[in-house]
C-alpha cells in the first residue's frame, strides 16, 4: 500500500477507511506558515465586529491595495460586504485576541480604537484601515480587496500559525524598510 496525493490513505475508494483528498489538501496547506490578523469593521446594527484570518496579503503599492479572504460560512461574511474594514496584524502575545475573534468569546477583551474609516484593535504590530475596492468569488471564500487609507506599525514579534498551531514569528533586525 503506497501513499500519494490523490489517495493519501492508500485505501481503495470503496473502503470504509478511504478519506477524500480535502483533508489531505487542508493538511498540505497548513504547512505554510502565515501571520495572524483580525479584520474589524462596523456591523449592520452599528456594532464593532471582527473575524480572525490568516489569509491576508498585499496586492498593489499604487494604489495601495490589500486582500483578505473570508469563508462564506463565517458569521461576519455577509456583514463585511461593502463595509470599510481594518486589517490588524497581531503580535506574538495576542493569541487570546485571535481566539476571541475566532469565535471563542471571553478569551480576551479587545481594546477598540476608532479609526477614520473603520475601528481597529489596540496593541497590534501593524494595521491597515481600508475602504472597499472590490470583492471576488473565491469558491467557498470571498476575496475582499481594500484600498489602504491609513496604516501604521510598531516593533515586535508576530503571531504566526502553522500546522494548526499558533507560533511566534520573530521580528527581523532593523525596520521593515530595511528588508527591501
N, C-alpha and C. Protein backbone atom coordinates (compact mmCIF):
# COMPACT_ATOMS: atom_id res chain seq x y z
N UNK A 1 0.85 -1.16 0.00
CA UNK A 1 0.00 0.00 0.00
C UNK A 1 0.90 1.23 0.00
N UNK A 2 0.78 2.11 -0.98
CA UNK A 2 1.59 3.33 -1.03
C UNK A 2 0.68 4.55 -0.93
N UNK A 3 1.25 5.59 -0.34
CA UNK A 3 0.50 6.84 -0.19
C UNK A 3 0.84 7.77 -1.35
N UNK A 4 -0.14 8.52 -1.80
CA UNK A 4 0.11 9.55 -2.81
C UNK A 4 -0.87 10.69 -2.60
N UNK A 5 -0.69 11.77 -3.34
CA UNK A 5 -1.52 12.96 -3.13
C UNK A 5 -2.97 12.76 -3.54
N UNK A 6 -3.27 11.83 -4.43
CA UNK A 6 -4.66 11.64 -4.83
C UNK A 6 -5.39 10.66 -3.92
N UNK A 7 -4.65 9.82 -3.22
CA UNK A 7 -5.24 8.85 -2.29
C UNK A 7 -4.29 8.71 -1.11
N UNK A 8 -4.23 9.73 -0.21
CA UNK A 8 -3.24 9.74 0.85
C UNK A 8 -3.39 8.58 1.82
N UNK A 9 -4.58 8.02 1.97
CA UNK A 9 -4.77 6.92 2.91
C UNK A 9 -4.26 5.60 2.35
N UNK A 10 -4.17 5.48 1.03
CA UNK A 10 -3.76 4.24 0.42
C UNK A 10 -4.89 3.22 0.28
N UNK A 11 -6.06 3.52 0.83
CA UNK A 11 -7.19 2.60 0.76
C UNK A 11 -7.96 2.82 -0.54
N UNK A 12 -8.61 1.78 -1.02
CA UNK A 12 -9.42 1.90 -2.23
C UNK A 12 -10.65 2.76 -1.94
N UNK A 13 -11.17 3.49 -2.95
CA UNK A 13 -12.31 4.38 -2.74
C UNK A 13 -13.55 3.69 -2.17
N UNK A 14 -13.74 2.40 -2.41
CA UNK A 14 -14.92 1.74 -1.87
C UNK A 14 -14.72 1.25 -0.43
N UNK A 15 -13.52 1.46 0.15
CA UNK A 15 -13.24 1.07 1.52
C UNK A 15 -13.86 2.07 2.49
N UNK A 16 -14.32 1.59 3.64
CA UNK A 16 -14.84 2.50 4.67
C UNK A 16 -13.73 3.35 5.28
N UNK A 17 -12.50 2.99 5.07
CA UNK A 17 -11.36 3.73 5.61
C UNK A 17 -10.82 4.78 4.64
N UNK A 18 -11.42 4.85 3.45
CA UNK A 18 -10.99 5.84 2.46
C UNK A 18 -11.39 7.24 2.90
N UNK A 19 -10.47 8.20 2.79
CA UNK A 19 -10.75 9.59 3.13
C UNK A 19 -10.50 10.45 1.90
N UNK A 20 -11.40 11.35 1.59
CA UNK A 20 -11.21 12.20 0.42
C UNK A 20 -9.98 13.10 0.56
N UNK A 21 -9.52 13.62 -0.54
CA UNK A 21 -8.31 14.42 -0.55
C UNK A 21 -8.47 15.77 0.13
N UNK A 22 -9.70 16.21 0.42
CA UNK A 22 -9.89 17.52 1.04
C UNK A 22 -9.12 17.62 2.36
N UNK A 23 -9.18 16.57 3.17
CA UNK A 23 -8.46 16.57 4.44
C UNK A 23 -6.95 16.67 4.20
N UNK A 24 -6.46 15.92 3.23
CA UNK A 24 -5.03 15.95 2.89
C UNK A 24 -4.64 17.31 2.31
N UNK A 25 -5.53 17.89 1.51
CA UNK A 25 -5.28 19.22 0.94
C UNK A 25 -5.14 20.25 2.05
N UNK A 26 -6.08 20.22 3.03
CA UNK A 26 -6.03 21.16 4.16
C UNK A 26 -4.72 20.96 4.93
N UNK A 27 -4.34 19.72 5.16
CA UNK A 27 -3.09 19.45 5.87
C UNK A 27 -1.88 19.95 5.11
N UNK A 28 -1.90 19.82 3.80
CA UNK A 28 -0.80 20.31 2.98
C UNK A 28 -0.72 21.83 3.04
N UNK A 29 -1.86 22.50 2.98
CA UNK A 29 -1.88 23.96 3.09
C UNK A 29 -1.39 24.42 4.45
N UNK A 30 -1.69 23.65 5.48
CA UNK A 30 -1.31 24.00 6.84
C UNK A 30 0.19 24.01 7.08
N UNK A 31 0.96 23.50 6.15
CA UNK A 31 2.42 23.51 6.29
C UNK A 31 3.02 24.86 5.94
N UNK A 32 2.20 25.74 5.36
CA UNK A 32 2.65 27.08 5.01
C UNK A 32 2.40 28.00 6.20
N UNK A 33 3.46 28.52 6.79
CA UNK A 33 3.32 29.41 7.95
C UNK A 33 2.77 30.76 7.50
N UNK A 34 1.81 31.27 8.27
CA UNK A 34 1.23 32.57 7.97
C UNK A 34 1.22 33.42 9.24
N UNK A 35 1.01 34.70 9.05
CA UNK A 35 0.73 35.58 10.17
C UNK A 35 -0.73 35.43 10.54
N UNK A 36 -1.11 36.05 11.64
CA UNK A 36 -2.50 36.02 12.10
C UNK A 36 -2.98 37.46 12.18
N UNK A 37 -4.17 37.70 11.63
CA UNK A 37 -4.75 39.04 11.61
C UNK A 37 -6.21 38.97 12.03
N UNK A 38 -6.74 40.12 12.40
CA UNK A 38 -8.16 40.26 12.69
C UNK A 38 -8.69 41.37 11.80
N UNK A 39 -9.75 41.07 11.05
CA UNK A 39 -10.43 42.08 10.25
C UNK A 39 -11.53 42.68 11.13
N UNK A 40 -11.51 43.99 11.31
CA UNK A 40 -12.52 44.67 12.13
C UNK A 40 -13.32 45.64 11.27
N UNK A 41 -14.58 45.82 11.64
CA UNK A 41 -15.48 46.68 10.87
C UNK A 41 -16.71 46.98 11.71
N UNK A 42 -17.55 47.87 11.21
CA UNK A 42 -18.82 48.19 11.85
C UNK A 42 -19.90 47.33 11.21
N UNK A 43 -20.62 46.57 12.04
CA UNK A 43 -21.67 45.68 11.56
C UNK A 43 -22.94 46.43 11.21
N UNK A 44 -23.94 45.73 10.68
CA UNK A 44 -25.16 46.36 10.20
C UNK A 44 -25.98 47.07 11.30
N UNK A 45 -25.79 46.68 12.55
CA UNK A 45 -26.51 47.32 13.66
C UNK A 45 -25.66 48.39 14.33
N UNK A 46 -24.52 48.75 13.72
CA UNK A 46 -23.64 49.76 14.28
C UNK A 46 -22.65 49.22 15.30
N UNK A 47 -22.60 47.90 15.45
CA UNK A 47 -21.71 47.28 16.43
C UNK A 47 -20.33 47.02 15.83
N UNK A 48 -19.31 47.08 16.68
CA UNK A 48 -17.96 46.72 16.25
C UNK A 48 -17.88 45.21 16.14
N UNK A 49 -17.29 44.75 15.04
CA UNK A 49 -17.18 43.30 14.80
C UNK A 49 -15.78 42.99 14.32
N UNK A 50 -15.41 41.72 14.44
CA UNK A 50 -14.12 41.28 13.96
C UNK A 50 -14.11 39.80 13.67
N UNK A 51 -13.17 39.39 12.84
CA UNK A 51 -13.01 37.99 12.48
C UNK A 51 -11.52 37.70 12.30
N UNK A 52 -11.05 36.61 12.89
CA UNK A 52 -9.65 36.21 12.77
C UNK A 52 -9.42 35.56 11.42
N UNK A 53 -8.32 35.96 10.78
CA UNK A 53 -7.96 35.40 9.47
C UNK A 53 -6.47 35.09 9.44
N UNK A 54 -6.07 34.24 8.53
CA UNK A 54 -4.65 34.07 8.24
C UNK A 54 -4.40 34.14 6.74
N UNK A 55 -5.43 34.53 5.99
CA UNK A 55 -5.26 34.71 4.55
C UNK A 55 -5.34 36.19 4.23
N UNK A 56 -4.19 36.83 4.31
CA UNK A 56 -4.03 38.26 4.08
C UNK A 56 -2.77 38.45 3.25
N UNK A 57 -2.80 39.38 2.31
CA UNK A 57 -1.60 39.68 1.54
C UNK A 57 -1.70 41.08 0.95
N UNK A 58 -0.54 41.64 0.64
CA UNK A 58 -0.53 42.90 -0.10
C UNK A 58 -0.75 42.58 -1.57
N UNK A 59 -1.40 43.49 -2.27
CA UNK A 59 -1.71 43.29 -3.69
C UNK A 59 -1.00 44.32 -4.56
N UNK A 60 -1.05 45.59 -4.16
CA UNK A 60 -0.53 46.65 -5.01
C UNK A 60 0.01 47.79 -4.14
N UNK A 61 1.08 48.42 -4.61
CA UNK A 61 1.62 49.60 -3.93
C UNK A 61 0.95 50.87 -4.43
N UNK A 62 0.53 50.89 -5.70
CA UNK A 62 -0.07 52.09 -6.26
C UNK A 62 -1.19 51.70 -7.22
N UNK A 63 -2.45 51.74 -6.78
CA UNK A 63 -2.87 52.19 -5.45
C UNK A 63 -2.53 51.14 -4.39
N UNK A 64 -2.51 51.57 -3.15
CA UNK A 64 -2.21 50.66 -2.03
C UNK A 64 -3.42 49.76 -1.80
N UNK A 65 -3.26 48.47 -2.15
CA UNK A 65 -4.35 47.51 -2.01
C UNK A 65 -3.88 46.30 -1.21
N UNK A 66 -4.78 45.79 -0.36
CA UNK A 66 -4.53 44.55 0.39
C UNK A 66 -5.73 43.63 0.20
N UNK A 67 -5.51 42.36 0.53
CA UNK A 67 -6.53 41.33 0.32
C UNK A 67 -6.76 40.56 1.62
N UNK A 68 -8.02 40.27 1.90
CA UNK A 68 -8.39 39.37 2.98
C UNK A 68 -9.40 38.38 2.41
N UNK A 69 -9.21 37.11 2.68
CA UNK A 69 -10.11 36.08 2.20
C UNK A 69 -10.95 35.58 3.38
N UNK A 70 -12.28 35.62 3.22
CA UNK A 70 -13.20 35.28 4.30
C UNK A 70 -14.10 34.13 3.84
N UNK A 71 -14.20 33.10 4.65
CA UNK A 71 -15.08 31.96 4.35
C UNK A 71 -16.53 32.40 4.26
N UNK A 72 -17.24 31.88 3.27
CA UNK A 72 -18.65 32.26 3.07
C UNK A 72 -19.55 31.86 4.23
N UNK A 73 -19.14 30.85 5.00
CA UNK A 73 -19.97 30.41 6.13
C UNK A 73 -19.65 31.17 7.42
N UNK A 74 -18.66 32.05 7.40
CA UNK A 74 -18.32 32.83 8.59
C UNK A 74 -19.47 33.77 8.93
N UNK A 75 -19.74 33.91 10.23
CA UNK A 75 -20.85 34.78 10.66
C UNK A 75 -20.69 36.22 10.18
N UNK A 76 -19.45 36.69 10.06
CA UNK A 76 -19.21 38.08 9.67
C UNK A 76 -19.16 38.29 8.16
N UNK A 77 -19.20 37.21 7.39
CA UNK A 77 -19.02 37.31 5.94
C UNK A 77 -19.97 38.31 5.30
N UNK A 78 -21.27 38.10 5.45
CA UNK A 78 -22.24 38.95 4.76
C UNK A 78 -22.18 40.40 5.23
N UNK A 79 -21.91 40.60 6.53
CA UNK A 79 -21.85 41.96 7.07
C UNK A 79 -20.65 42.73 6.54
N UNK A 80 -19.62 42.04 6.11
CA UNK A 80 -18.42 42.69 5.61
C UNK A 80 -18.60 43.21 4.18
N UNK A 81 -19.57 42.67 3.46
CA UNK A 81 -19.81 43.10 2.08
C UNK A 81 -20.04 44.61 2.02
N UNK A 82 -19.19 45.33 1.30
CA UNK A 82 -19.34 46.77 1.11
C UNK A 82 -18.94 47.62 2.30
N UNK A 83 -18.42 47.03 3.37
CA UNK A 83 -18.06 47.79 4.57
C UNK A 83 -16.59 48.20 4.55
N UNK A 84 -16.32 49.35 5.14
CA UNK A 84 -14.93 49.72 5.43
C UNK A 84 -14.40 48.73 6.45
N UNK A 85 -13.11 48.46 6.43
CA UNK A 85 -12.55 47.49 7.37
C UNK A 85 -11.10 47.81 7.67
N UNK A 86 -10.63 47.27 8.79
CA UNK A 86 -9.22 47.37 9.17
C UNK A 86 -8.65 45.97 9.31
N UNK A 87 -7.48 45.76 8.75
CA UNK A 87 -6.76 44.51 8.96
C UNK A 87 -5.72 44.79 10.05
N UNK A 88 -5.85 44.08 11.16
CA UNK A 88 -5.00 44.23 12.33
C UNK A 88 -4.03 43.05 12.40
N UNK A 89 -2.74 43.28 12.27
CA UNK A 89 -1.74 42.21 12.33
C UNK A 89 -1.36 42.00 13.80
N UNK A 90 -1.59 40.78 14.29
CA UNK A 90 -1.42 40.52 15.72
C UNK A 90 0.03 40.25 16.10
N UNK A 91 0.37 40.74 17.29
CA UNK A 91 1.67 40.47 17.88
C UNK A 91 1.67 39.11 18.56
N UNK A 92 2.85 38.60 18.85
CA UNK A 92 3.02 37.26 19.41
C UNK A 92 2.24 37.05 20.70
N UNK A 93 2.05 38.11 21.48
CA UNK A 93 1.36 38.00 22.76
C UNK A 93 -0.16 38.10 22.63
N UNK A 94 -0.70 38.15 21.42
CA UNK A 94 -2.13 38.37 21.23
C UNK A 94 -2.90 37.12 20.79
N UNK A 95 -2.43 35.95 21.20
CA UNK A 95 -3.12 34.71 20.86
C UNK A 95 -4.55 34.69 21.41
N UNK A 96 -4.76 35.20 22.61
CA UNK A 96 -6.11 35.23 23.19
C UNK A 96 -7.03 36.10 22.36
N UNK A 97 -6.51 37.20 21.81
CA UNK A 97 -7.32 38.07 20.95
C UNK A 97 -7.69 37.34 19.66
N UNK A 98 -6.76 36.57 19.10
CA UNK A 98 -7.07 35.77 17.92
C UNK A 98 -8.19 34.78 18.23
N UNK A 99 -8.13 34.17 19.40
CA UNK A 99 -9.18 33.22 19.80
C UNK A 99 -10.52 33.92 20.00
N UNK A 100 -10.50 35.10 20.59
CA UNK A 100 -11.73 35.87 20.81
C UNK A 100 -12.46 36.11 19.50
N UNK A 101 -11.74 36.54 18.47
CA UNK A 101 -12.38 36.86 17.19
C UNK A 101 -12.55 35.62 16.30
N UNK A 102 -12.06 34.48 16.76
CA UNK A 102 -12.26 33.23 16.03
C UNK A 102 -13.47 32.48 16.57
N UNK A 103 -14.25 33.14 17.43
CA UNK A 103 -15.49 32.53 17.90
C UNK A 103 -15.41 31.91 19.28
N UNK A 104 -14.39 32.26 20.05
CA UNK A 104 -14.29 31.78 21.43
C UNK A 104 -14.44 32.97 22.37
N UNK A 105 -15.68 33.47 22.52
CA UNK A 105 -15.91 34.66 23.36
C UNK A 105 -15.39 34.46 24.77
N UNK A 106 -14.88 35.55 25.33
CA UNK A 106 -14.34 35.51 26.68
C UNK A 106 -12.86 35.20 26.71
N UNK A 107 -12.24 34.95 25.56
CA UNK A 107 -10.81 34.66 25.51
C UNK A 107 -9.99 35.91 25.82
N UNK A 108 -10.48 37.07 25.39
CA UNK A 108 -9.79 38.35 25.61
C UNK A 108 -10.81 39.47 25.46
N UNK A 109 -10.52 40.59 26.08
CA UNK A 109 -11.35 41.77 25.91
C UNK A 109 -10.61 42.74 25.00
N UNK A 110 -11.12 42.95 23.79
CA UNK A 110 -10.40 43.84 22.86
C UNK A 110 -10.44 45.28 23.34
N UNK A 111 -9.34 45.98 23.08
CA UNK A 111 -9.28 47.43 23.29
C UNK A 111 -9.55 48.04 21.92
N UNK A 112 -10.70 48.70 21.79
CA UNK A 112 -11.10 49.26 20.49
C UNK A 112 -10.57 50.67 20.32
N UNK A 113 -10.15 50.97 19.10
CA UNK A 113 -9.71 52.30 18.71
C UNK A 113 -10.54 52.69 17.51
N UNK A 114 -11.20 53.85 17.59
CA UNK A 114 -11.99 54.32 16.45
C UNK A 114 -11.06 54.93 15.41
N UNK A 115 -11.13 54.40 14.20
CA UNK A 115 -10.35 54.93 13.10
C UNK A 115 -11.18 55.90 12.29
N UNK A 116 -10.57 56.49 11.30
CA UNK A 116 -11.29 57.42 10.42
C UNK A 116 -12.31 56.69 9.56
N UNK A 117 -11.98 55.46 9.13
CA UNK A 117 -12.85 54.70 8.24
C UNK A 117 -13.45 53.46 8.90
N UNK A 118 -12.70 52.83 9.81
CA UNK A 118 -13.16 51.60 10.45
C UNK A 118 -12.46 51.46 11.80
N UNK A 119 -13.07 50.73 12.73
CA UNK A 119 -12.41 50.53 14.02
C UNK A 119 -11.23 49.56 13.89
N UNK A 120 -10.34 49.62 14.87
CA UNK A 120 -9.24 48.67 14.94
C UNK A 120 -9.05 48.26 16.40
N UNK A 121 -8.21 47.27 16.62
CA UNK A 121 -7.92 46.84 17.98
C UNK A 121 -6.53 47.34 18.38
N UNK A 122 -6.39 47.66 19.65
CA UNK A 122 -5.13 48.20 20.15
C UNK A 122 -4.08 47.13 20.35
N UNK A 123 -2.83 47.56 20.38
CA UNK A 123 -1.73 46.68 20.70
C UNK A 123 -1.20 45.82 19.57
N UNK A 124 -1.69 46.03 18.36
CA UNK A 124 -1.24 45.21 17.23
C UNK A 124 0.12 45.71 16.73
N UNK A 125 0.80 44.87 15.94
CA UNK A 125 2.10 45.29 15.44
C UNK A 125 2.00 46.07 14.12
N UNK A 126 0.86 45.97 13.45
CA UNK A 126 0.57 46.86 12.32
C UNK A 126 -0.92 46.79 12.01
N UNK A 127 -1.38 47.78 11.28
CA UNK A 127 -2.79 47.82 10.90
C UNK A 127 -2.94 48.59 9.59
N UNK A 128 -4.01 48.23 8.87
CA UNK A 128 -4.30 48.83 7.56
C UNK A 128 -5.79 49.15 7.52
N UNK A 129 -6.13 50.41 7.57
CA UNK A 129 -7.53 50.84 7.52
C UNK A 129 -7.91 51.01 6.05
N UNK A 130 -9.01 50.36 5.64
CA UNK A 130 -9.33 50.24 4.21
C UNK A 130 -10.76 50.63 3.89
N UNK A 131 -10.93 51.08 2.67
CA UNK A 131 -12.26 51.21 2.08
C UNK A 131 -12.38 50.11 1.03
N UNK A 132 -13.60 49.63 0.76
CA UNK A 132 -13.75 48.53 -0.20
C UNK A 132 -13.27 48.93 -1.60
N UNK A 133 -12.53 48.05 -2.24
CA UNK A 133 -12.07 48.25 -3.61
C UNK A 133 -12.84 47.32 -4.54
N UNK A 134 -12.88 46.03 -4.17
CA UNK A 134 -13.60 45.03 -4.96
C UNK A 134 -13.72 43.77 -4.13
N UNK A 135 -14.65 42.91 -4.51
CA UNK A 135 -14.67 41.56 -3.93
C UNK A 135 -14.92 40.56 -5.05
N UNK A 136 -14.36 39.37 -4.85
CA UNK A 136 -14.37 38.36 -5.90
C UNK A 136 -14.79 37.01 -5.33
N UNK A 137 -15.44 36.22 -6.17
CA UNK A 137 -15.80 34.86 -5.81
C UNK A 137 -14.50 34.06 -5.70
N UNK A 138 -14.34 33.41 -4.57
CA UNK A 138 -13.17 32.56 -4.36
C UNK A 138 -13.60 31.18 -3.90
N UNK A 139 -14.58 30.60 -4.59
CA UNK A 139 -15.07 29.27 -4.20
C UNK A 139 -15.84 29.36 -2.91
N UNK A 140 -15.37 28.68 -1.87
CA UNK A 140 -16.07 28.73 -0.58
C UNK A 140 -15.67 29.95 0.24
N UNK A 141 -14.89 30.86 -0.35
CA UNK A 141 -14.49 32.11 0.28
C UNK A 141 -14.84 33.29 -0.63
N UNK A 142 -14.85 34.47 -0.06
CA UNK A 142 -14.91 35.70 -0.84
C UNK A 142 -13.59 36.42 -0.63
N UNK A 143 -13.01 36.91 -1.71
CA UNK A 143 -11.76 37.64 -1.66
C UNK A 143 -12.11 39.13 -1.62
N UNK A 144 -11.83 39.76 -0.50
CA UNK A 144 -12.12 41.19 -0.32
C UNK A 144 -10.83 41.98 -0.53
N UNK A 145 -10.86 42.91 -1.49
CA UNK A 145 -9.75 43.82 -1.70
C UNK A 145 -10.12 45.15 -1.06
N UNK A 146 -9.17 45.72 -0.33
CA UNK A 146 -9.39 47.02 0.28
C UNK A 146 -8.32 48.00 -0.14
N UNK A 147 -8.73 49.25 -0.33
CA UNK A 147 -7.77 50.30 -0.60
C UNK A 147 -7.32 50.86 0.74
N UNK A 148 -6.03 50.83 0.99
CA UNK A 148 -5.48 51.27 2.27
C UNK A 148 -5.55 52.79 2.35
N UNK A 149 -6.20 53.29 3.40
CA UNK A 149 -6.36 54.73 3.61
C UNK A 149 -5.49 55.24 4.74
N UNK A 150 -5.28 54.43 5.77
CA UNK A 150 -4.42 54.75 6.91
C UNK A 150 -3.71 53.47 7.32
N UNK A 151 -2.52 53.60 7.87
CA UNK A 151 -1.77 52.43 8.31
C UNK A 151 -0.68 52.86 9.27
N UNK A 152 -0.16 51.91 10.02
CA UNK A 152 0.98 52.16 10.89
C UNK A 152 1.52 50.82 11.37
N UNK A 153 2.70 50.85 11.98
CA UNK A 153 3.28 49.63 12.53
C UNK A 153 4.13 49.99 13.74
N UNK A 154 4.44 48.96 14.52
CA UNK A 154 5.35 49.10 15.65
C UNK A 154 6.25 47.87 15.66
N UNK A 155 7.26 47.91 16.49
CA UNK A 155 8.20 46.80 16.59
C UNK A 155 7.58 45.66 17.39
N UNK A 156 8.05 44.44 17.14
CA UNK A 156 7.60 43.30 17.92
C UNK A 156 7.51 42.04 17.10
N UNK A 157 7.51 40.91 17.80
CA UNK A 157 7.34 39.62 17.16
C UNK A 157 5.89 39.45 16.73
N UNK A 158 5.67 38.72 15.65
CA UNK A 158 4.32 38.50 15.12
C UNK A 158 3.76 37.17 15.61
N UNK A 159 2.45 37.11 15.72
CA UNK A 159 1.77 35.85 15.98
C UNK A 159 1.67 35.10 14.67
N UNK A 160 2.08 33.86 14.66
CA UNK A 160 2.03 33.04 13.45
C UNK A 160 1.13 31.83 13.64
N UNK A 161 0.89 31.15 12.52
CA UNK A 161 0.05 29.96 12.54
C UNK A 161 0.60 28.97 11.51
N UNK A 162 0.86 27.75 11.95
CA UNK A 162 1.36 26.71 11.05
C UNK A 162 0.98 25.35 11.63
N UNK A 163 0.58 24.44 10.79
CA UNK A 163 0.24 23.09 11.23
C UNK A 163 -0.87 23.06 12.26
N UNK A 164 -1.80 24.01 12.18
CA UNK A 164 -2.93 24.05 13.12
C UNK A 164 -2.58 24.59 14.49
N UNK A 165 -1.39 25.18 14.63
CA UNK A 165 -0.94 25.68 15.93
C UNK A 165 -0.43 27.12 15.81
N UNK A 166 -0.61 27.88 16.89
CA UNK A 166 -0.01 29.20 16.95
C UNK A 166 1.49 29.06 17.17
N UNK A 167 2.24 30.02 16.67
CA UNK A 167 3.68 30.06 16.84
C UNK A 167 4.11 31.52 16.87
N UNK A 168 5.37 31.77 17.10
CA UNK A 168 5.91 33.12 17.11
C UNK A 168 6.79 33.29 15.88
N UNK A 169 6.60 34.40 15.19
CA UNK A 169 7.46 34.77 14.07
C UNK A 169 8.32 35.92 14.57
N UNK A 170 9.61 35.65 14.83
CA UNK A 170 10.47 36.71 15.39
C UNK A 170 10.65 37.87 14.42
N UNK A 171 10.70 39.06 14.99
CA UNK A 171 10.95 40.24 14.17
C UNK A 171 12.37 40.20 13.64
N UNK A 172 12.53 40.52 12.39
CA UNK A 172 13.87 40.62 11.79
C UNK A 172 14.53 41.89 12.32
N UNK A 173 15.84 41.91 12.29
CA UNK A 173 16.56 43.10 12.73
C UNK A 173 16.28 44.27 11.80
N UNK A 174 16.33 45.47 12.34
CA UNK A 174 16.10 46.67 11.55
C UNK A 174 14.63 46.96 11.35
N UNK A 175 14.34 47.93 10.53
CA UNK A 175 12.95 48.32 10.26
C UNK A 175 12.47 47.60 9.01
N UNK A 176 11.14 47.52 8.81
CA UNK A 176 10.62 46.87 7.60
C UNK A 176 11.18 47.47 6.31
N UNK A 177 11.47 48.77 6.31
CA UNK A 177 12.01 49.39 5.10
C UNK A 177 13.40 48.85 4.77
N UNK A 178 14.14 48.38 5.80
CA UNK A 178 15.49 47.86 5.57
C UNK A 178 15.48 46.50 4.90
N UNK A 179 14.35 45.82 4.90
CA UNK A 179 14.28 44.48 4.35
C UNK A 179 14.28 44.46 2.83
N UNK A 180 13.99 45.55 2.18
CA UNK A 180 13.84 45.54 0.73
C UNK A 180 14.78 46.51 0.05
